[in-house]
Amino acid sequence: MKIKANGIEINYEKEGSGPVVTLSHSLACNLHMWDDQAKALASRYTVLRFDTRGHGQTSAPTGAYSLDQMAEDLKGLLDGLGIAQTHFVGLSMGGMIGQTFTLKYPAMIQSLVLCDTSSRYPAAAASVWEDRIKTVTAKGMEPMVAGTLERWFTAPFRARRKDVMERIGGLIRSTPPAGYIGCCHALPKINVTDRLKEIVCPALVIVGEEDPGTPVAMAREIHAALPGAQLAILRSASHLSNAEQPEEFNRVLLDFLDKAAGRSAR
């Protein structure tokens, strides 16, 4: 399904029934990154997944994007669907959108789950994003596939689950270069750590123990800055912890959501 909002067409999927849970994916993926979670949640919740600006079947305008702009995309989507309140789950880029959105529209977020993400980057990280922009501008997405999979999954999992590597590799490969570049301008600018104390809804921080991109230290920083937040560190998982350890990820997520939504135990 598609809806026009904030000057673009946003592709989304909505399924299930009950309280709304919105899922926001990482850079270089699309809403199908959440397939395992959507299946686990849909019997108890209304699951809303969407392709972020520049990804999947959502519009991919050229030029630099901003996290504020992507938060407004989400606002337009929720308003267009008549959703006044939602629980929010974001991984990596999705977590950055979630932090930005919650600070702008706190009344709309009933609970916040931030997975393998950051609330700020060190200045030294800027060159990494600049290199990615240069590479994709010159050669497209193909050069990004192998290195991204290496960062996103542990070596034993990559060797064992070639099917997941093919599936996620396909998502990376099919990301519109303009969308990837646009988001690479936005993400390194996040700097909200000092404002997280303003967020008062229930919050959970999830991180893969072996995540090199947004490591446990970043998750601990978010956890310490978010009043009353819970922290879950998933063993034998890297950056895409929802795909590498789906059973444990889903268990932790559902336990949190059921409490936050006042749902009885499954």
Protein backbone atom coordinates (compact mmCIF):
# COMPACT_ATOMS: atom_id res chain seq x y z
CA MET A 1 0.00 0.00 0.00
CA LYS A 2 1.12 3.56 -0.63
CA ILE A 3 0.17 6.90 0.86
CA LYS A 4 1.24 10.41 -0.10
CA ALA A 5 2.80 12.30 2.83
CA ASN A 6 5.39 15.05 3.29
CA GLY A 7 5.90 15.38 -0.44
CA ILE A 8 6.66 11.72 -1.18
CA GLU A 9 4.88 8.39 -1.63
CA ILE A 10 5.44 6.10 1.36
CA ASN A 11 5.07 2.35 0.94
CA TYR A 12 3.70 0.51 3.97
CA GLU A 13 2.13 -2.75 5.17
CA LYS A 14 -0.40 -3.03 7.98
CA GLU A 15 -1.60 -6.30 9.50
CA GLY A 16 -2.95 -7.82 12.69
CA SER A 17 -5.19 -6.30 15.34
CA GLY A 18 -4.79 -4.65 18.72
CA PRO A 19 -2.53 -1.78 19.81
CA VAL A 20 -0.42 -0.36 16.98
CA VAL A 21 3.30 -1.20 16.81
CA THR A 22 5.28 0.69 14.16
CA LEU A 23 8.50 -0.91 12.89
CA SER A 24 11.26 1.20 11.29
CA HIS A 25 14.11 -0.52 9.45
CA SER A 26 17.85 0.09 9.08
CA LEU A 27 19.76 1.86 6.34
CA ALA A 28 19.94 -0.21 3.11
CA CYS A 29 16.99 -2.43 4.03
CA ASN A 30 13.23 -2.14 3.67
CA LEU A 31 10.12 -3.18 5.59
CA HIS A 32 10.86 -6.87 4.87
CA MET A 33 13.75 -6.66 7.34
CA TRP A 34 10.98 -7.08 9.94
CA ASP A 35 9.33 -10.21 8.48
CA ASP A 36 10.15 -12.38 11.52
CA GLN A 37 8.89 -9.74 13.95
CA ALA A 38 5.70 -9.03 12.00
CA LYS A 39 4.77 -12.72 12.18
CA ALA A 40 5.42 -12.82 15.92
CA LEU A 41 3.51 -9.62 16.66
CA ALA A 42 0.49 -9.75 14.35
CA SER A 43 -1.57 -12.11 16.53
CA ARG A 44 -1.53 -9.56 19.37
CA TYR A 45 -0.84 -6.19 17.76
CA THR A 46 -1.59 -4.11 14.69
CA VAL A 47 1.79 -4.11 12.96
CA LEU A 48 2.67 -1.13 10.77
CA ARG A 49 5.81 -1.43 8.67
CA PHE A 50 7.00 1.14 6.15
CA ASP A 51 9.82 1.78 3.71
CA THR A 52 11.83 4.80 4.83
CA ARG A 53 12.40 7.68 2.42
CA GLY A 54 14.84 6.50 -0.24
CA HIS A 55 14.27 2.79 0.42
CA GLY A 56 12.15 -0.06 -0.91
CA GLN A 57 9.09 1.19 -2.78
CA THR A 58 9.00 4.60 -1.09
CA SER A 59 10.08 7.63 -3.15
CA ALA A 60 13.85 8.21 -3.36
CA PRO A 61 14.41 11.88 -4.14
CA THR A 62 17.95 13.03 -4.86
CA GLY A 63 19.83 15.26 -2.44
CA ALA A 64 20.65 15.17 1.26
CA TYR A 65 17.95 14.03 3.68
CA SER A 66 17.62 14.94 7.36
CA LEU A 67 16.38 13.01 10.38
CA ASP A 68 13.86 15.78 10.99
CA GLN A 69 12.53 15.25 7.47
CA MET A 70 12.28 11.49 8.02
CA ALA A 71 10.44 12.09 11.30
CA GLU A 72 7.97 14.24 9.37
CA ASP A 73 7.54 11.40 6.86
CA LEU A 74 6.51 9.17 9.75
CA LYS A 75 4.17 11.85 11.11
CA GLY A 76 2.52 12.12 7.69
CA LEU A 77 2.14 8.34 7.46
CA LEU A 78 0.56 8.02 10.92
CA ASP A 79 -1.74 11.00 10.35
CA GLY A 80 -2.76 9.67 6.95
CA LEU A 81 -3.69 6.31 8.47
CA GLY A 82 -5.55 7.94 11.37
CA ILE A 83 -3.11 6.60 13.98
CA ALA A 84 -2.92 8.96 16.97
CA GLN A 85 -0.68 6.77 19.14
CA THR A 86 1.71 3.90 18.53
CA HIS A 87 4.39 1.81 20.14
CA PHE A 88 7.59 2.30 18.11
CA VAL A 89 10.43 -0.12 17.32
CA GLY A 90 13.40 1.14 15.32
CA LEU A 91 16.69 -0.53 14.45
CA SER A 92 19.83 1.46 13.52
CA MET A 93 18.52 4.25 11.24
CA GLY A 94 15.02 3.37 12.44
CA GLY A 95 16.11 3.97 16.02
CA MET A 96 17.47 7.38 15.07
CA ILE A 97 14.17 8.26 13.42
CA GLY A 98 12.39 7.04 16.56
CA GLN A 99 14.44 9.23 18.88
CA THR A 100 13.95 12.27 16.65
CA PHE A 101 10.21 11.63 16.29
CA THR A 102 9.60 11.00 19.99
CA LEU A 103 11.33 14.24 20.94
CA LYS A 104 9.13 16.12 18.43
CA TYR A 105 5.83 14.32 19.07
CA PRO A 106 6.03 12.70 22.52
CA ALA A 107 2.26 12.31 22.90
CA MET A 108 2.13 9.99 19.88
CA ILE A 109 4.62 7.42 21.21
CA GLN A 110 3.31 4.98 23.84
CA SER A 111 6.60 3.12 24.18
CA LEU A 112 9.96 3.26 22.43
CA VAL A 113 12.26 0.37 21.50
CA LEU A 114 15.70 1.40 20.22
CA CYS A 115 17.73 -1.42 18.67
CA ASP A 116 21.39 -1.38 17.60
CA THR A 117 21.37 2.37 17.19
CA SER A 118 23.10 5.55 18.30
CA SER A 119 22.07 8.87 19.82
CA ARG A 120 25.27 10.55 18.60
CA TYR A 121 28.42 9.71 16.65
CA PRO A 122 31.99 10.79 17.37
CA ALA A 123 33.35 13.42 14.97
CA ALA A 124 35.83 10.86 13.66
CA ALA A 125 32.96 8.83 12.17
CA ALA A 126 32.19 11.52 9.57
CA SER A 127 34.82 10.21 7.14
CA VAL A 128 33.20 6.77 7.11
CA TRP A 129 29.91 8.23 5.89
CA GLU A 130 31.71 10.42 3.35
CA ASP A 131 33.49 7.36 1.95
CA ARG A 132 30.19 5.50 1.61
CA ILE A 133 28.65 8.43 -0.25
CA LYS A 134 31.62 8.58 -2.65
CA THR A 135 31.57 4.84 -3.30
CA VAL A 136 27.85 4.61 -4.01
CA THR A 137 27.89 7.79 -6.13
CA ALA A 138 30.63 6.28 -8.30
CA LYS A 139 29.72 2.60 -8.38
CA GLY A 140 26.19 2.05 -7.06
CA MET A 141 25.20 -0.30 -4.24
CA GLU A 142 27.03 -3.48 -5.27
CA PRO A 143 30.35 -2.56 -3.56
CA MET A 144 28.48 -2.07 -0.29
CA VAL A 145 26.95 -5.55 -0.08
CA ALA A 146 29.82 -7.74 1.19
CA GLY A 147 31.21 -5.28 3.73
CA THR A 148 27.78 -4.45 5.09
CA LEU A 149 26.93 -8.11 5.63
CA GLU A 150 30.24 -8.55 7.47
CA ARG A 151 29.34 -5.72 9.86
CA TRP A 152 25.73 -6.79 10.28
CA PHE A 153 26.23 -10.48 11.14
CA THR A 154 28.77 -12.53 13.07
CA ALA A 155 31.11 -14.78 11.09
CA PRO A 156 29.60 -18.08 12.34
CA PHE A 157 26.10 -16.91 11.39
CA ARG A 158 27.23 -15.76 7.94
CA ALA A 159 28.78 -19.18 7.31
CA ARG A 160 25.76 -21.07 8.63
CA ARG A 161 22.90 -19.06 7.16
CA LYS A 162 23.62 -18.41 3.51
CA ASP A 163 19.87 -18.03 2.98
CA VAL A 164 19.74 -15.00 5.26
CA MET A 165 22.86 -13.55 3.61
CA GLU A 166 21.16 -13.85 0.21
CA ARG A 167 17.93 -12.32 1.47
CA ILE A 168 19.49 -9.37 3.30
CA GLY A 169 22.13 -8.96 0.61
CA GLY A 170 19.28 -8.58 -1.86
CA LEU A 171 17.75 -5.81 0.25
CA ILE A 172 21.07 -3.93 0.33
CA ARG A 173 21.65 -4.40 -3.41
CA SER A 174 18.17 -3.17 -4.34
CA THR A 175 18.33 0.02 -2.23
CA PRO A 176 18.13 3.05 -4.53
CA PRO A 177 21.57 4.73 -4.56
CA ALA A 178 19.96 8.18 -4.21
CA GLY A 179 18.13 6.99 -1.08
CA TYR A 180 21.23 5.47 0.47
CA ILE A 181 23.23 8.63 -0.21
CA GLY A 182 20.44 10.88 1.07
CA CYS A 183 20.30 8.98 4.36
CA CYS A 184 24.11 8.90 4.68
CA HIS A 185 23.98 12.69 4.85
CA ALA A 186 21.40 12.56 7.66
CA LEU A 187 22.49 9.82 10.05
CA PRO A 188 25.93 11.04 11.21
CA LYS A 189 24.34 14.33 12.31
CA ILE A 190 22.27 12.75 15.08
CA ASN A 191 23.09 14.35 18.42
CA VAL A 192 20.25 13.85 20.90
CA THR A 193 21.90 12.13 23.88
CA ASP A 194 21.50 15.16 26.12
CA ARG A 195 17.80 15.43 25.27
CA LEU A 196 16.83 11.80 25.92
CA LYS A 197 15.94 12.67 29.50
CA GLU A 198 12.88 14.44 28.02
CA ILE A 199 11.44 11.08 26.90
CA VAL A 200 9.16 9.72 29.61
CA CYS A 201 7.38 6.80 27.88
CA PRO A 202 8.47 3.20 28.66
CA ALA A 203 11.68 2.45 26.75
CA LEU A 204 13.78 -0.59 25.89
CA VAL A 205 17.28 -0.61 24.38
CA ILE A 206 18.32 -3.78 22.52
CA VAL A 207 21.83 -4.39 21.17
CA GLY A 208 23.77 -7.29 19.73
CA GLU A 209 26.74 -8.12 21.93
CA GLU A 210 29.06 -8.18 18.90
CA ASP A 211 27.67 -5.13 17.04
CA PRO A 212 30.69 -3.17 15.68
CA GLY A 213 28.75 -0.27 14.13
CA THR A 214 26.59 0.77 17.06
CA PRO A 215 28.34 -1.16 19.83
CA VAL A 216 27.20 -2.00 23.34
CA ALA A 217 28.87 1.18 24.61
CA MET A 218 26.49 3.28 22.49
CA ALA A 219 23.52 1.28 23.75
CA ARG A 220 24.65 1.81 27.34
CA GLU A 221 24.93 5.55 26.70
CA ILE A 222 21.32 5.65 25.43
CA HIS A 223 20.16 3.45 28.32
CA ALA A 224 21.83 5.72 30.88
CA ALA A 225 20.28 8.84 29.33
CA LEU A 226 16.72 7.44 29.03
CA PRO A 227 14.86 7.58 32.36
CA GLY A 228 13.72 4.13 33.48
CA ALA A 229 14.77 2.38 30.28
CA GLN A 230 15.54 -1.34 30.16
CA LEU A 231 18.62 -2.75 28.42
CA ALA A 232 18.86 -6.12 26.67
CA ILE A 233 22.20 -7.34 25.27
CA LEU A 234 21.73 -10.26 22.87
CA ARG A 235 24.50 -12.83 22.78
CA SER A 236 25.87 -14.13 19.47
CA ALA A 237 24.39 -11.22 17.57
CA SER A 238 25.83 -8.35 15.60
CA HIS A 239 24.10 -5.28 14.11
CA LEU A 240 20.96 -6.85 12.63
CA SER A 241 20.17 -8.56 15.91
CA ASN A 242 16.51 -9.04 14.94
CA ALA A 243 17.58 -11.24 12.00
CA GLU A 244 20.49 -13.05 13.67
CA GLN A 245 18.68 -13.92 16.92
CA PRO A 246 14.98 -13.59 15.99
CA GLU A 247 13.65 -15.87 18.74
CA GLU A 248 15.46 -14.06 21.57
CA PHE A 249 14.81 -10.66 20.00
CA ASN A 250 11.09 -11.43 19.70
CA ARG A 251 10.90 -12.76 23.26
CA VAL A 252 12.48 -9.62 24.72
CA LEU A 253 10.40 -7.35 22.48
CA LEU A 254 7.06 -9.04 23.21
CA ASP A 255 7.68 -9.13 26.95
CA PHE A 256 8.36 -5.40 26.90
CA LEU A 257 5.45 -4.51 24.62
CA ASP A 258 2.98 -6.62 26.60
CA LYS A 259 3.91 -4.78 29.78
CA ALA A 260 3.92 -1.35 28.09
CA ALA A 261 0.56 -2.02 26.46
CA GLY A 262 -0.97 -3.59 29.57
CA ARG A 263 -1.53 -6.91 27.79
CA SER A 264 -1.90 -10.16 29.69
CA ALA A 265 0.85 -12.74 29.38
CA ARG A 266 0.73 -14.86 26.24
